[in-house]
Structures are given as structure tokens and as C-alpha cells.
């Protein structure tokens, strides 16, 4: 393994200086604060979907099995609702694999 020594001037190294990086990040953050002034989250009228998660708690029987069986476990663990289904008219092509 060989090392290559690069001859860099101090001006070229300042781009990799931590203080220079922090100063540049502060400038970018200030620019973003001035540019993006809309509040977050968006107003509900601008949402593409109004999906709400519904909790399905899992209970165990006295024998240690899932109350309701394996199908209840799968249905409670995986959420088969797709938010883009509600906003289908907004999308030009289906983006949900369940559509």
C-alpha cells in the first residue's frame, strides 16, 4: 500500500475546516428560514390524504396463542390500508402496489 502526498495550500484546506463547515451550514440555515416560511404541518385542506391509523391491540389466550388466530395477528400487524387510495384522483398513475 502506498500513500500519495497531495500538496495543498492553506486556502484549499479551509474548505475542509470544521469552522468553515459550521459557518456555511449557518448561512444555509438562515437562507432556508427566510425562504421557507410556510408553517408545518400543512393546512388540512392541502393534504393529499386524510388517513388515520387505527390501533388493533393483540391479546394472548391463556395457552399463549394469539386471541383471534394467526389471521388476526397478520391483520393487526400489517396495515393494509394505502393512503394513496384515498387520494387516487391526485396521482396521475397508481403509486400504491395494492391498487
N, C-alpha and C. Protein backbone atom coordinates (compact mmCIF):
# COMPACT_ATOMS: atom_id res chain seq x y z
N UNK A 1 0.84 -1.17 0.00
CA UNK A 1 0.00 0.00 0.00
C UNK A 1 0.89 1.23 0.00
N UNK A 2 0.59 2.14 -0.89
CA UNK A 2 1.39 3.36 -0.95
C UNK A 2 0.50 4.57 -0.70
N UNK A 3 1.11 5.60 -0.16
CA UNK A 3 0.38 6.84 0.12
C UNK A 3 0.82 7.90 -0.87
N UNK A 4 -0.14 8.67 -1.29
CA UNK A 4 0.16 9.79 -2.17
C UNK A 4 0.02 11.06 -1.35
N UNK A 5 1.03 11.87 -1.37
CA UNK A 5 1.00 13.13 -0.64
C UNK A 5 0.56 14.22 -1.61
N UNK A 6 -0.49 14.90 -1.22
CA UNK A 6 -1.01 15.99 -2.04
C UNK A 6 -0.49 17.30 -1.50
N UNK A 7 -0.03 18.13 -2.36
CA UNK A 7 0.42 19.44 -1.92
C UNK A 7 -0.76 20.41 -2.05
N UNK A 8 -1.35 20.72 -0.91
CA UNK A 8 -2.50 21.62 -0.90
C UNK A 8 -2.13 22.88 -0.13
N UNK A 9 -2.59 23.99 -0.65
CA UNK A 9 -2.33 25.25 0.03
C UNK A 9 -3.31 25.41 1.20
N UNK A 10 -3.02 26.28 2.16
CA UNK A 10 -3.96 26.51 3.27
C UNK A 10 -5.34 26.99 2.79
N UNK A 11 -5.38 27.72 1.70
CA UNK A 11 -6.66 28.17 1.16
C UNK A 11 -7.52 27.00 0.69
N UNK A 12 -6.88 25.98 0.13
CA UNK A 12 -7.60 24.81 -0.32
C UNK A 12 -8.07 23.95 0.85
N UNK A 13 -7.34 23.98 1.95
CA UNK A 13 -7.71 23.18 3.11
C UNK A 13 -8.82 23.80 3.93
N UNK A 14 -9.04 25.11 3.82
CA UNK A 14 -10.08 25.74 4.64
C UNK A 14 -11.47 25.23 4.29
N UNK A 15 -11.64 24.71 3.08
CA UNK A 15 -12.95 24.15 2.71
C UNK A 15 -13.27 22.93 3.55
N UNK A 16 -12.27 22.28 4.10
CA UNK A 16 -12.47 21.09 4.92
C UNK A 16 -12.36 21.39 6.41
N UNK A 17 -12.24 22.65 6.75
CA UNK A 17 -12.14 23.07 8.15
C UNK A 17 -13.51 23.00 8.80
N UNK A 18 -13.59 22.48 10.02
CA UNK A 18 -14.87 22.34 10.72
C UNK A 18 -15.53 23.68 10.95
N UNK A 19 -14.76 24.69 11.29
CA UNK A 19 -15.33 26.02 11.50
C UNK A 19 -15.94 26.58 10.21
N UNK A 20 -15.26 26.33 9.09
CA UNK A 20 -15.79 26.79 7.80
C UNK A 20 -17.07 26.04 7.46
N UNK A 21 -17.12 24.75 7.77
CA UNK A 21 -18.31 23.96 7.51
C UNK A 21 -19.49 24.45 8.36
N UNK A 22 -19.24 24.75 9.63
CA UNK A 22 -20.29 25.25 10.52
C UNK A 22 -20.79 26.61 10.04
N UNK A 23 -19.88 27.48 9.64
CA UNK A 23 -20.28 28.81 9.14
C UNK A 23 -21.12 28.67 7.88
N UNK A 24 -20.74 27.76 6.99
CA UNK A 24 -21.51 27.55 5.76
C UNK A 24 -22.89 26.98 6.08
N UNK A 25 -22.96 26.06 7.03
CA UNK A 25 -24.25 25.48 7.43
C UNK A 25 -25.15 26.55 8.04
N UNK A 26 -24.59 27.45 8.84
CA UNK A 26 -25.38 28.53 9.42
C UNK A 26 -25.95 29.45 8.34
N UNK A 27 -25.16 29.73 7.31
CA UNK A 27 -25.66 30.54 6.20
C UNK A 27 -26.79 29.83 5.46
N UNK A 28 -26.63 28.54 5.23
CA UNK A 28 -27.69 27.78 4.56
C UNK A 28 -28.95 27.73 5.41
N UNK A 29 -28.80 27.53 6.72
CA UNK A 29 -29.97 27.50 7.60
C UNK A 29 -30.69 28.84 7.61
N UNK A 30 -29.93 29.93 7.64
CA UNK A 30 -30.55 31.26 7.62
C UNK A 30 -31.30 31.47 6.31
N UNK A 31 -30.71 31.05 5.20
CA UNK A 31 -31.38 31.17 3.90
C UNK A 31 -32.67 30.35 3.88
N UNK A 32 -32.63 29.14 4.42
CA UNK A 32 -33.83 28.30 4.45
C UNK A 32 -34.90 28.88 5.35
N UNK A 33 -34.51 29.47 6.47
CA UNK A 33 -35.52 30.09 7.35
C UNK A 33 -36.22 31.26 6.67
N UNK A 34 -35.48 31.99 5.84
CA UNK A 34 -36.08 33.13 5.14
C UNK A 34 -36.90 32.68 3.94
N UNK A 35 -36.50 31.59 3.30
CA UNK A 35 -37.17 31.12 2.09
C UNK A 35 -38.43 30.34 2.39
N UNK A 36 -38.35 29.42 3.32
CA UNK A 36 -39.46 28.51 3.62
C UNK A 36 -40.17 28.99 4.88
N UNK A 37 -41.22 29.78 4.68
CA UNK A 37 -41.92 30.38 5.82
C UNK A 37 -43.27 29.74 6.08
N UNK A 38 -43.70 28.80 5.24
CA UNK A 38 -44.99 28.15 5.47
C UNK A 38 -44.92 27.31 6.74
N UNK A 39 -45.97 27.34 7.54
CA UNK A 39 -45.94 26.54 8.76
C UNK A 39 -46.02 25.05 8.44
N UNK A 40 -45.50 24.28 9.36
CA UNK A 40 -45.56 22.82 9.21
C UNK A 40 -46.30 22.27 10.41
N UNK A 41 -47.18 21.36 10.27
CA UNK A 41 -47.59 20.69 9.04
C UNK A 41 -48.52 21.56 8.20
N UNK A 42 -48.78 21.10 7.01
CA UNK A 42 -49.65 21.83 6.09
C UNK A 42 -51.06 21.96 6.66
N UNK A 43 -51.77 22.91 6.11
CA UNK A 43 -53.19 23.02 6.45
C UNK A 43 -53.92 21.78 5.94
N UNK A 44 -54.90 21.27 6.68
CA UNK A 44 -55.59 20.05 6.25
C UNK A 44 -56.18 20.14 4.84
N UNK A 45 -56.51 21.33 4.39
CA UNK A 45 -57.07 21.46 3.04
C UNK A 45 -56.03 21.14 1.96
N UNK A 46 -54.74 21.17 2.29
CA UNK A 46 -53.67 20.89 1.33
C UNK A 46 -53.17 19.45 1.39
N UNK A 47 -53.68 18.65 2.32
CA UNK A 47 -53.23 17.26 2.44
C UNK A 47 -53.71 16.45 1.25
N UNK A 48 -52.89 15.53 0.79
CA UNK A 48 -53.30 14.62 -0.27
C UNK A 48 -54.11 13.46 0.28
N UNK A 49 -53.97 13.19 1.57
CA UNK A 49 -54.66 12.08 2.18
C UNK A 49 -55.03 12.44 3.61
N UNK A 50 -56.14 11.91 4.07
CA UNK A 50 -56.58 12.13 5.45
C UNK A 50 -56.61 10.80 6.20
N UNK A 51 -55.63 9.96 5.89
CA UNK A 51 -55.54 8.63 6.51
C UNK A 51 -55.29 8.77 8.01
N UNK A 52 -55.97 7.95 8.80
CA UNK A 52 -55.76 7.90 10.24
C UNK A 52 -55.46 6.46 10.63
N UNK A 53 -54.43 6.26 11.42
CA UNK A 53 -54.08 4.92 11.88
C UNK A 53 -55.10 4.46 12.91
N UNK A 54 -55.52 3.21 12.80
CA UNK A 54 -56.42 2.60 13.76
C UNK A 54 -55.67 1.50 14.50
N UNK A 55 -55.59 1.62 15.80
CA UNK A 55 -54.86 0.64 16.59
C UNK A 55 -55.69 -0.63 16.74
N UNK A 56 -55.03 -1.79 16.60
CA UNK A 56 -55.65 -3.09 16.80
C UNK A 56 -54.78 -3.85 17.79
N UNK A 57 -55.07 -3.75 19.08
CA UNK A 57 -54.22 -4.41 20.07
C UNK A 57 -54.27 -5.93 19.92
N UNK A 58 -53.16 -6.56 20.22
CA UNK A 58 -53.05 -8.02 20.13
C UNK A 58 -53.14 -8.58 21.54
N UNK A 59 -54.02 -9.56 21.71
CA UNK A 59 -54.18 -10.21 23.02
C UNK A 59 -53.80 -11.67 22.90
N UNK A 60 -53.31 -12.23 23.99
CA UNK A 60 -52.93 -13.64 24.02
C UNK A 60 -53.90 -14.41 24.89
N UNK A 61 -54.16 -15.64 24.51
CA UNK A 61 -55.02 -16.51 25.31
C UNK A 61 -54.21 -17.07 26.47
N UNK A 62 -54.87 -17.80 27.35
CA UNK A 62 -54.17 -18.39 28.50
C UNK A 62 -53.17 -19.45 28.05
N UNK A 63 -53.36 -20.02 26.86
CA UNK A 63 -52.42 -21.02 26.33
C UNK A 63 -51.25 -20.37 25.60
N UNK A 64 -51.25 -19.04 25.46
CA UNK A 64 -50.17 -18.34 24.78
C UNK A 64 -50.39 -18.12 23.31
N UNK A 65 -51.57 -18.52 22.78
CA UNK A 65 -51.88 -18.29 21.37
C UNK A 65 -52.40 -16.87 21.19
N UNK A 66 -52.38 -16.41 19.95
CA UNK A 66 -52.92 -15.10 19.64
C UNK A 66 -54.43 -15.19 19.65
N UNK A 67 -55.06 -14.32 20.44
CA UNK A 67 -56.52 -14.29 20.51
C UNK A 67 -57.06 -13.84 19.16
N UNK A 68 -57.83 -14.67 18.49
CA UNK A 68 -58.33 -14.37 17.15
C UNK A 68 -57.61 -15.16 16.08
N UNK A 69 -56.51 -15.79 16.43
CA UNK A 69 -55.79 -16.63 15.48
C UNK A 69 -54.73 -15.88 14.70
N UNK A 70 -54.07 -16.63 13.81
CA UNK A 70 -52.98 -16.08 13.02
C UNK A 70 -53.45 -14.96 12.09
N UNK A 71 -54.66 -15.11 11.55
CA UNK A 71 -55.16 -14.05 10.65
C UNK A 71 -55.32 -12.74 11.39
N UNK A 72 -55.73 -12.76 12.66
CA UNK A 72 -55.85 -11.52 13.44
C UNK A 72 -54.47 -10.91 13.67
N UNK A 73 -53.49 -11.76 13.93
CA UNK A 73 -52.13 -11.27 14.15
C UNK A 73 -51.60 -10.56 12.91
N UNK A 74 -51.79 -11.18 11.75
CA UNK A 74 -51.33 -10.57 10.50
C UNK A 74 -52.09 -9.28 10.22
N UNK A 75 -53.40 -9.30 10.42
CA UNK A 75 -54.20 -8.10 10.16
C UNK A 75 -53.90 -6.97 11.12
N UNK A 76 -53.56 -7.29 12.36
CA UNK A 76 -53.24 -6.26 13.33
C UNK A 76 -51.83 -5.73 13.16
N UNK A 77 -50.93 -6.56 12.66
CA UNK A 77 -49.53 -6.15 12.50
C UNK A 77 -49.31 -5.36 11.22
N UNK A 78 -49.89 -5.82 10.13
CA UNK A 78 -49.72 -5.16 8.84
C UNK A 78 -50.91 -4.26 8.56
N UNK A 79 -50.66 -3.06 8.15
CA UNK A 79 -51.71 -2.12 7.82
C UNK A 79 -51.95 -2.21 6.32
N UNK A 80 -53.05 -2.79 5.92
CA UNK A 80 -53.33 -2.99 4.50
C UNK A 80 -53.99 -1.78 3.85
N UNK A 81 -54.27 -0.74 4.60
CA UNK A 81 -54.83 0.47 4.01
C UNK A 81 -53.71 1.24 3.34
N UNK A 82 -53.98 1.78 2.20
CA UNK A 82 -52.99 2.57 1.49
C UNK A 82 -53.49 4.00 1.41
N UNK A 83 -52.75 4.97 1.95
CA UNK A 83 -53.23 6.35 1.94
C UNK A 83 -53.47 6.90 0.55
N UNK A 84 -52.70 6.43 -0.44
CA UNK A 84 -52.90 6.98 -1.78
C UNK A 84 -54.21 6.51 -2.40
N UNK A 85 -54.83 5.49 -1.83
CA UNK A 85 -56.12 5.03 -2.33
C UNK A 85 -57.15 6.15 -2.15
N UNK A 86 -57.05 6.90 -1.06
CA UNK A 86 -57.98 7.99 -0.79
C UNK A 86 -57.72 9.20 -1.68
N UNK A 87 -56.50 9.34 -2.14
CA UNK A 87 -56.14 10.49 -2.96
C UNK A 87 -55.87 10.07 -4.40
N UNK A 88 -56.57 9.06 -4.86
CA UNK A 88 -56.34 8.50 -6.19
C UNK A 88 -56.44 9.54 -7.29
N UNK A 89 -57.36 10.49 -7.18
CA UNK A 89 -57.55 11.48 -8.24
C UNK A 89 -56.36 12.42 -8.35
N UNK A 90 -55.57 12.56 -7.31
CA UNK A 90 -54.43 13.49 -7.32
C UNK A 90 -53.27 12.91 -8.10
N UNK A 91 -53.10 11.60 -8.06
CA UNK A 91 -51.97 10.96 -8.70
C UNK A 91 -52.28 10.63 -10.15
N UNK A 92 -51.30 10.85 -11.03
CA UNK A 92 -51.53 10.55 -12.44
C UNK A 92 -51.43 9.06 -12.72
N UNK A 93 -50.69 8.34 -11.89
CA UNK A 93 -50.59 6.89 -12.04
C UNK A 93 -50.61 6.28 -10.64
N UNK A 94 -51.05 5.07 -10.50
CA UNK A 94 -51.08 4.45 -9.17
C UNK A 94 -49.67 4.32 -8.60
N UNK A 95 -49.47 4.76 -7.37
CA UNK A 95 -48.19 4.63 -6.72
C UNK A 95 -48.24 3.60 -5.61
N UNK A 96 -49.41 3.07 -5.34
CA UNK A 96 -49.57 2.08 -4.28
C UNK A 96 -49.63 0.69 -4.91
N UNK A 97 -48.82 -0.24 -4.43
CA UNK A 97 -48.85 -1.58 -5.03
C UNK A 97 -50.15 -2.32 -4.76
N UNK A 98 -50.98 -1.84 -3.85
CA UNK A 98 -52.23 -2.52 -3.55
C UNK A 98 -53.39 -2.04 -4.41
N UNK A 99 -53.17 -1.04 -5.25
CA UNK A 99 -54.26 -0.52 -6.10
C UNK A 99 -54.49 -1.43 -7.29
